[in-house]
Protein backbone atom coordinates (compact mmCIF):
# COMPACT_ATOMS: atom_id res chain seq x y z
CA MET A 1 -19.15 5.32 -57.13
CA PRO A 2 -19.26 8.98 -58.27
CA ALA A 3 -16.94 11.19 -56.21
CA ASN A 4 -19.29 14.31 -56.96
CA PRO A 5 -22.19 14.35 -54.39
CA LYS A 6 -24.10 16.70 -56.53
CA GLN A 7 -24.01 14.43 -59.55
CA LEU A 8 -25.08 11.42 -57.60
CA ALA A 9 -27.81 13.48 -55.82
CA ARG A 10 -29.28 14.40 -59.24
CA ARG A 11 -29.26 10.71 -60.31
CA VAL A 12 -31.22 9.78 -57.14
CA TYR A 13 -33.73 12.72 -57.62
CA GLN A 14 -34.39 11.55 -61.03
CA GLY A 15 -35.08 7.98 -59.69
CA GLU A 16 -32.20 6.21 -61.48
CA ARG A 17 -31.99 2.85 -59.76
CA SER A 18 -28.20 2.47 -60.02
CA GLY A 19 -27.72 5.98 -58.67
CA ILE A 20 -30.08 5.10 -55.72
CA ALA A 21 -28.28 1.85 -54.89
CA ARG A 22 -24.96 3.78 -54.97
CA ALA A 23 -26.36 6.49 -52.71
CA ILE A 24 -27.38 3.95 -50.23
CA THR A 25 -24.11 2.13 -50.21
CA LEU A 26 -22.33 5.52 -49.68
CA VAL A 27 -24.47 6.63 -46.69
CA GLU A 28 -24.16 3.12 -45.22
CA SER A 29 -20.40 3.11 -45.33
CA THR A 30 -18.29 3.56 -42.25
CA ARG A 31 -15.27 4.76 -44.01
CA GLN A 32 -14.27 8.23 -43.03
CA ASP A 33 -13.86 9.63 -46.75
CA HIS A 34 -17.27 8.08 -47.51
CA ARG A 35 -18.92 9.67 -44.50
CA ARG A 36 -17.73 13.14 -45.73
CA LYS A 37 -19.17 12.51 -49.18
CA ALA A 38 -22.39 10.94 -47.79
CA ALA A 39 -22.82 14.09 -45.73
CA GLY A 40 -22.37 16.19 -48.96
CA LEU A 41 -24.87 14.00 -50.74
CA LEU A 42 -27.63 14.37 -48.18
CA ALA A 43 -27.13 18.12 -48.16
CA GLU A 44 -27.42 18.19 -51.95
CA LEU A 45 -30.51 16.03 -51.97
CA GLY A 46 -32.16 18.30 -49.39
CA SER A 47 -31.46 21.39 -51.61
CA LEU A 48 -33.12 19.73 -54.52
CA GLY A 49 -36.55 20.18 -52.68
CA ALA A 50 -38.23 18.01 -50.12
CA ARG A 51 -40.27 15.03 -51.12
CA GLU A 52 -42.26 13.05 -48.59
CA GLY A 53 -43.43 9.49 -48.90
CA LEU A 54 -45.48 7.50 -46.55
CA ARG A 55 -43.12 5.68 -44.03
CA ILE A 56 -44.41 2.47 -42.61
CA GLY A 57 -42.54 0.28 -40.10
CA ILE A 58 -43.19 -3.41 -39.89
CA THR A 59 -41.94 -5.53 -37.07
CA GLY A 60 -42.74 -8.85 -35.59
CA ALA A 61 -41.04 -12.11 -34.28
CA PRO A 62 -39.11 -14.17 -36.81
CA GLY A 63 -41.53 -16.47 -38.69
CA ALA A 64 -44.49 -14.02 -38.16
CA GLY A 65 -44.55 -13.52 -42.01
CA LYS A 66 -43.14 -9.82 -42.31
CA SER A 67 -41.53 -10.46 -45.79
CA THR A 68 -44.67 -12.17 -47.08
CA LEU A 69 -46.86 -9.30 -45.88
CA ILE A 70 -44.54 -6.74 -47.57
CA ASP A 71 -44.49 -8.88 -50.74
CA CYS A 72 -48.39 -8.99 -50.80
CA LEU A 73 -48.89 -5.28 -49.68
CA GLY A 74 -46.18 -3.94 -51.89
CA THR A 75 -47.60 -5.60 -54.95
CA LYS A 76 -51.04 -4.29 -54.29
CA LEU A 77 -49.84 -0.80 -53.89
CA THR A 78 -47.92 -0.86 -57.22
CA ARG A 79 -51.03 -2.21 -58.96
CA ASN A 80 -52.85 0.94 -57.65
CA GLY A 81 -50.08 3.17 -59.30
CA LEU A 82 -47.78 3.84 -56.28
CA SER A 83 -44.15 3.23 -56.15
CA VAL A 84 -42.79 1.34 -53.19
CA ALA A 85 -39.25 1.21 -51.61
CA VAL A 86 -38.48 -1.42 -49.12
CA LEU A 87 -35.71 -1.35 -46.56
CA ALA A 88 -35.21 -4.87 -45.16
CA VAL A 89 -32.99 -4.91 -42.12
CA ASP A 90 -31.12 -8.07 -41.15
CA PRO A 91 -29.10 -8.64 -38.02
CA SER A 92 -25.31 -8.69 -38.24
CA SER A 93 -23.52 -11.45 -36.71
CA THR A 94 -21.71 -10.71 -33.39
CA ALA A 95 -18.93 -13.12 -34.41
CA SER A 96 -18.25 -12.46 -38.06
CA GLY A 97 -20.06 -8.99 -38.53
CA GLY A 98 -21.77 -10.42 -41.65
CA SER A 99 -25.45 -10.66 -42.42
CA ILE A 100 -27.46 -13.15 -44.52
CA LEU A 101 -29.66 -10.47 -46.05
CA GLY A 102 -32.15 -13.02 -47.22
CA ASP A 103 -35.42 -11.14 -46.96
CA LYS A 104 -35.25 -10.03 -50.58
CA THR A 105 -35.49 -13.76 -51.64
CA ARG A 106 -38.79 -14.08 -49.73
CA MET A 107 -40.40 -11.18 -51.72
CA SER A 108 -40.57 -13.13 -55.06
CA ALA A 109 -43.23 -10.97 -56.63
CA LEU A 110 -42.04 -7.51 -55.42
CA VAL A 111 -38.33 -8.21 -56.42
CA ARG A 112 -39.45 -8.46 -60.10
CA ASN A 113 -41.67 -5.38 -59.98
CA PRO A 114 -40.43 -2.34 -61.93
CA LYS A 115 -42.23 0.03 -59.56
CA ALA A 116 -40.58 -1.36 -56.45
CA PHE A 117 -37.05 -1.14 -55.00
CA ILE A 118 -35.85 -3.50 -52.34
CA ARG A 119 -32.70 -2.75 -50.28
CA PRO A 120 -31.48 -5.45 -47.80
CA SER A 121 -29.33 -3.73 -44.96
CA PRO A 122 -27.31 -5.06 -42.13
CA THR A 123 -27.80 -3.66 -38.58
CA GLY A 124 -23.96 -3.40 -38.28
CA GLY A 125 -24.48 -4.26 -34.60
CA PHE A 126 -26.77 -1.27 -34.02
CA GLN A 127 -29.54 -2.04 -31.58
CA GLY A 128 -33.39 -1.48 -31.74
CA GLY A 129 -34.07 -3.53 -34.96
CA VAL A 130 -32.81 -1.11 -37.58
CA SER A 131 -29.42 0.11 -38.88
CA ARG A 132 -27.77 3.35 -37.70
CA ARG A 133 -28.13 4.85 -41.20
CA ALA A 134 -31.87 3.70 -41.69
CA ARG A 135 -32.98 7.19 -41.41
CA ASP A 136 -30.66 8.35 -44.16
CA VAL A 137 -31.65 5.39 -46.38
CA VAL A 138 -35.31 6.38 -45.82
CA PHE A 139 -34.50 9.88 -46.76
CA VAL A 140 -32.69 8.74 -49.96
CA CYS A 141 -35.73 6.68 -51.02
CA GLU A 142 -38.11 9.63 -50.35
CA GLN A 143 -36.08 11.97 -52.39
CA ALA A 144 -35.98 9.33 -55.21
CA GLY A 145 -39.57 9.87 -55.39
CA PHE A 146 -41.04 6.69 -53.93
CA ASP A 147 -44.59 7.05 -52.57
CA VAL A 148 -44.36 4.58 -49.91
CA VAL A 149 -41.35 3.37 -47.88
CA LEU A 150 -41.68 0.00 -46.06
CA VAL A 151 -39.13 -0.70 -43.20
CA GLU A 152 -38.90 -4.18 -42.21
CA THR A 153 -37.07 -4.59 -38.86
CA THR A 154 -34.92 -7.68 -37.74
CA GLY A 155 -37.74 -8.71 -35.55
CA VAL A 156 -35.99 -9.55 -32.38
CA GLY A 157 -38.62 -8.99 -29.76
CA GLN A 158 -40.16 -6.54 -27.38
CA THR A 159 -37.52 -4.11 -27.66
CA ASP A 160 -37.54 -3.93 -31.47
CA ILE A 161 -39.10 -0.48 -31.46
CA LEU A 162 -36.44 1.89 -32.76
CA VAL A 163 -38.18 1.84 -36.03
CA SER A 164 -41.18 3.74 -34.59
CA GLY A 165 -38.81 6.76 -34.34
CA LEU A 166 -38.48 6.95 -38.06
CA VAL A 167 -41.77 5.98 -39.58
CA ASP A 168 -45.34 7.62 -39.73
CA ILE A 169 -47.12 4.32 -39.10
CA PHE A 170 -45.85 1.44 -37.02
CA VAL A 171 -47.31 -2.04 -37.66
CA LEU A 172 -46.86 -5.14 -35.28
CA LEU A 173 -47.25 -8.51 -37.00
CA VAL A 174 -47.92 -11.47 -34.77
CA SER A 175 -48.81 -15.23 -35.41
CA PRO A 176 -51.76 -17.20 -33.86
CA GLY A 177 -50.81 -18.90 -30.61
CA ALA A 178 -47.12 -19.79 -29.91
CA GLY A 179 -47.43 -17.55 -26.82
CA ASP A 180 -48.15 -14.42 -28.85
CA ASP A 181 -51.41 -14.01 -27.06
CA LEU A 182 -49.44 -13.43 -23.86
CA GLN A 183 -47.51 -10.49 -25.39
CA GLY A 184 -50.63 -8.54 -25.40
CA ILE A 185 -50.40 -7.80 -21.76
CA LYS A 186 -46.66 -6.48 -22.16
CA ARG A 187 -45.72 -3.04 -22.36
CA GLY A 188 -42.98 -1.71 -24.78
CA ILE A 189 -43.73 -2.59 -28.29
CA MET A 190 -47.51 -2.67 -27.73
CA GLU A 191 -47.45 0.91 -26.68
CA LYS A 192 -45.96 1.86 -29.98
CA ALA A 193 -47.86 -0.14 -32.53
CA ASP A 194 -50.65 1.67 -34.43
CA LEU A 195 -51.77 -1.66 -35.96
CA VAL A 196 -51.69 -5.04 -34.78
CA LEU A 197 -52.05 -7.74 -37.41
CA VAL A 198 -52.70 -11.34 -36.52
CA ASN A 199 -51.19 -13.02 -39.55
CA LYS A 200 -51.71 -16.57 -40.77
CA SER A 201 -55.43 -16.35 -40.09
CA ASP A 202 -56.32 -19.14 -42.38
CA GLY A 203 -57.01 -22.88 -42.41
CA GLU A 204 -56.59 -24.81 -39.22
CA PHE A 205 -55.25 -21.62 -37.40
CA MET A 206 -58.38 -19.51 -37.98
CA SER A 207 -60.02 -20.11 -34.64
CA GLN A 208 -56.78 -19.69 -32.77
CA ALA A 209 -56.14 -16.53 -34.63
CA SER A 210 -59.50 -14.93 -33.72
CA ARG A 211 -58.75 -15.60 -30.14
CA THR A 212 -55.37 -14.02 -30.38
CA CYS A 213 -56.76 -10.98 -32.27
CA ALA A 214 -59.38 -10.75 -29.44
CA ASP A 215 -56.61 -10.82 -26.68
CA TYR A 216 -54.58 -8.07 -28.54
CA ALA A 217 -57.76 -5.85 -29.02
CA SER A 218 -58.41 -6.03 -25.36
CA ALA A 219 -54.91 -5.29 -24.34
CA LEU A 220 -54.63 -2.34 -26.61
CA ARG A 221 -57.68 -0.76 -24.96
CA LEU A 222 -56.05 -1.11 -21.53
CA LEU A 223 -52.53 -0.05 -22.55
CA ARG A 224 -53.03 2.71 -25.02
CA SER A 225 -54.63 6.19 -24.82
CA ARG A 226 -52.84 8.84 -27.01
CA ARG A 227 -53.90 12.06 -28.43
CA GLN A 228 -52.48 11.18 -31.69
CA ASP A 229 -54.91 8.13 -32.13
CA PRO A 230 -58.42 8.76 -33.58
CA ASP A 231 -61.31 6.89 -32.37
CA GLY A 232 -60.87 3.14 -33.01
CA PHE A 233 -57.08 3.10 -32.76
CA PRO A 234 -54.89 1.34 -32.35
CA VAL A 235 -56.40 -1.52 -34.32
CA ALA A 236 -56.04 -5.14 -33.96
CA MET A 237 -57.25 -7.42 -36.97
CA ASN A 238 -56.85 -10.79 -38.60
CA ILE A 239 -55.07 -11.08 -41.99
CA SER A 240 -53.58 -13.73 -44.18
CA ALA A 241 -50.84 -12.48 -46.40
CA LEU A 242 -50.49 -15.87 -47.87
CA GLU A 243 -54.18 -15.71 -49.22
CA ASP A 244 -54.16 -11.91 -49.59
CA ARG A 245 -56.98 -11.43 -47.02
CA GLY A 246 -57.30 -8.41 -44.93
CA ILE A 247 -54.50 -6.60 -46.79
CA GLN A 248 -56.83 -4.11 -48.45
CA GLY A 249 -58.51 -3.36 -45.04
CA THR A 250 -55.07 -2.85 -43.55
CA TRP A 251 -54.20 -0.27 -46.16
CA LYS A 252 -57.41 1.54 -45.53
CA HIS A 253 -56.64 1.68 -41.83
CA VAL A 254 -53.16 3.04 -42.71
CA LEU A 255 -54.44 5.73 -45.03
CA HIS A 256 -57.19 6.84 -42.56
CA LEU A 257 -54.71 7.07 -39.61
CA ALA A 258 -52.17 9.12 -41.66
CA GLU A 259 -54.65 11.50 -43.02
CA TRP A 260 -56.18 12.15 -39.49
CA ARG A 261 -52.66 12.67 -38.11
CA ARG A 262 -51.92 15.21 -40.91
CA GLN A 263 -55.20 17.11 -40.26
CA GLN A 264 -54.51 17.14 -36.45
CA GLY A 265 -50.93 18.38 -36.83
CA PHE A 266 -49.48 15.32 -35.29
CA TRP A 267 -47.79 14.09 -38.47
CA ARG A 268 -45.38 17.03 -38.77
CA GLN A 269 -44.91 17.10 -35.01
CA ASN A 270 -43.91 13.46 -35.02
CA ARG A 271 -41.43 14.02 -37.89
CA GLN A 272 -39.76 16.93 -36.07
CA ASN A 273 -39.49 15.05 -32.92
CA GLN A 274 -38.14 12.00 -34.71
CA ALA A 275 -35.37 14.21 -36.20
CA VAL A 276 -34.42 15.52 -32.79
CA SER A 277 -34.19 12.03 -31.40
CA TRP A 278 -32.01 10.74 -34.29
CA PHE A 279 -29.76 13.88 -33.79
CA LYS A 280 -29.23 13.00 -30.20
CA SER A 281 -28.53 9.32 -30.98
CA GLU A 282 -25.89 10.43 -33.47
CA ILE A 283 -24.14 12.40 -30.93
CA ASP A 284 -23.92 9.37 -28.75
CA GLU A 285 -22.53 7.35 -31.59
CA ARG A 286 -19.97 10.07 -32.62
CA ILE A 287 -18.87 10.45 -29.07
CA ARG A 288 -18.26 6.73 -28.86
CA GLU A 289 -16.37 6.70 -32.22
CA ARG A 290 -14.19 9.63 -31.14
CA LEU A 291 -13.37 7.74 -28.07
CA LEU A 292 -12.33 4.64 -29.83
CA ALA A 293 -10.37 6.53 -32.42
CA ASP A 294 -7.82 7.80 -29.82
CA GLU A 295 -4.99 5.21 -29.48
CA GLU A 296 -4.05 6.39 -25.95
CA LEU A 297 -7.70 6.07 -24.80
CA ARG A 298 -8.09 2.73 -26.55
CA ALA A 299 -5.15 1.38 -24.59
CA ARG A 300 -6.57 2.68 -21.39
CA ILE A 301 -9.86 1.09 -22.12
CA SER A 302 -7.96 -2.15 -22.71
CA ALA A 303 -6.10 -1.78 -19.44
CA GLN A 304 -9.44 -1.17 -17.70
CA GLU A 305 -10.98 -4.27 -19.36
CA ASP A 306 -8.17 -6.28 -17.84
CA ARG A 307 -8.98 -4.94 -14.29
CA VAL A 308 -12.58 -5.65 -14.72
CA ARG A 309 -12.06 -9.10 -16.10
CA SER A 310 -9.84 -10.08 -13.09
CA GLY A 311 -12.22 -8.56 -10.58
CA ARG A 312 -9.85 -5.90 -9.47
CA LEU A 313 -12.20 -3.16 -10.42
CA HIS A 314 -16.07 -2.81 -10.63
CA TYR A 315 -17.14 -2.17 -14.25
CA ASP A 316 -19.11 0.99 -13.16
CA ALA A 317 -16.03 2.52 -11.58
CA ALA A 318 -13.85 1.42 -14.67
CA ALA A 319 -16.27 3.32 -17.03
CA GLN A 320 -16.42 6.44 -14.76
CA GLU A 321 -12.75 6.72 -14.93
CA ILE A 322 -12.70 6.49 -18.76
CA VAL A 323 -15.29 9.18 -19.00
CA GLU A 324 -13.56 11.52 -16.61
CA GLU A 325 -10.23 11.12 -18.54
CA LEU A 326 -12.27 11.75 -21.78
CA TRP A 327 -13.52 14.96 -20.45
CA SER A 328 -10.45 15.95 -18.98
CA ARG A 329 -8.86 15.82 -22.42
CA VAL A 330 -11.87 17.82 -23.94
CA GLY A 331 -11.21 20.48 -21.28
CA GLN A 332 -7.51 20.54 -22.18
CA GLU A 333 -8.28 20.92 -25.83
CA ARG A 334 -10.65 23.89 -24.92
CA VAL A 335 -7.90 25.66 -23.00
CA SER A 336 -5.25 24.96 -25.77
CA GLY A 337 -7.70 26.39 -28.37
CA SER A 338 -8.52 29.44 -26.26
CA GLN A 339 -4.78 30.23 -25.84
CA SER A 340 -4.31 29.79 -29.64
CA VAL A 341 -7.06 32.33 -30.30
CA ASP A 342 -5.61 34.77 -27.70
CA ASN A 343 -2.05 34.41 -28.90
CA PRO A 344 -2.20 33.62 -32.70
CA GLN A 345 1.50 34.38 -33.24
CA GLN A 346 2.53 31.97 -30.47
CA ALA A 347 0.13 29.40 -31.87
CA ALA A 348 1.77 29.82 -35.20
CA LYS A 349 5.08 28.99 -33.90
């Protein structure tokens, strides 16, 4: 891995595959020395000139066919002359911390396509269906010149919506039956989806898929009314990724919605709001990291855990004590820093 962020940024900007892979590995790393280099890399990439691809998030329950859809859609896009990057996020084990990262194996056509780049990524325990560094990975792919960036989430359920805060178009993929029709009356992910695709609308599932699609269309009309939606959106439609039916129509809907939002000013507004949201999220994560990096505070947290476990202290009160101690230390650091500025000679001693 090159130590020079400027060198690596150039390789990414020129679309060099090994450079893109190394850059993503760097930005996903949790090592402190790598974090500093990653910050330099992202700054260098930004200085080379902004590139903007179309970001599409795809979520859905396990088994809905997300990888098959991406394989079919991505192949179709490359045949139309577009380059495609895929970020496939897999959940990390809460026991071992590892991930299977098997989505790439289910994209048999796209994985061999020279105009496509597939990157499996673990969540690393980050909640919401994507990894903590997903936004940085998407940025790297955009700066590498990919026209379309597809983000496949872990697909864990109704709360799997964090991806909607980093993409331009959010797609929910569902299967016929299996209780999916009942999800149409639930809020949460339904309020975020721009397109609801009922996959596996083929063979013996065709009639069931049509009923499921009608249920979703009805639910969308009841749940959604947003200024950034043109007439007719959000859309519910039947597709079959396996038989390549409805995929071209899906892409037409995506292009229409993206163009409308650009013309109305919602595209830029959404991206600006997303950047602020991820900024706030990063503050939360860094505060937590700093808290856990302090040995004394870690020991204090461990002691509180014992008190909570034994029932001697309620978890809410235990957390409040830790927060108060943290902010007390922050206040002491401020006073110490202020005294150093007022009396630099004393500080030097």
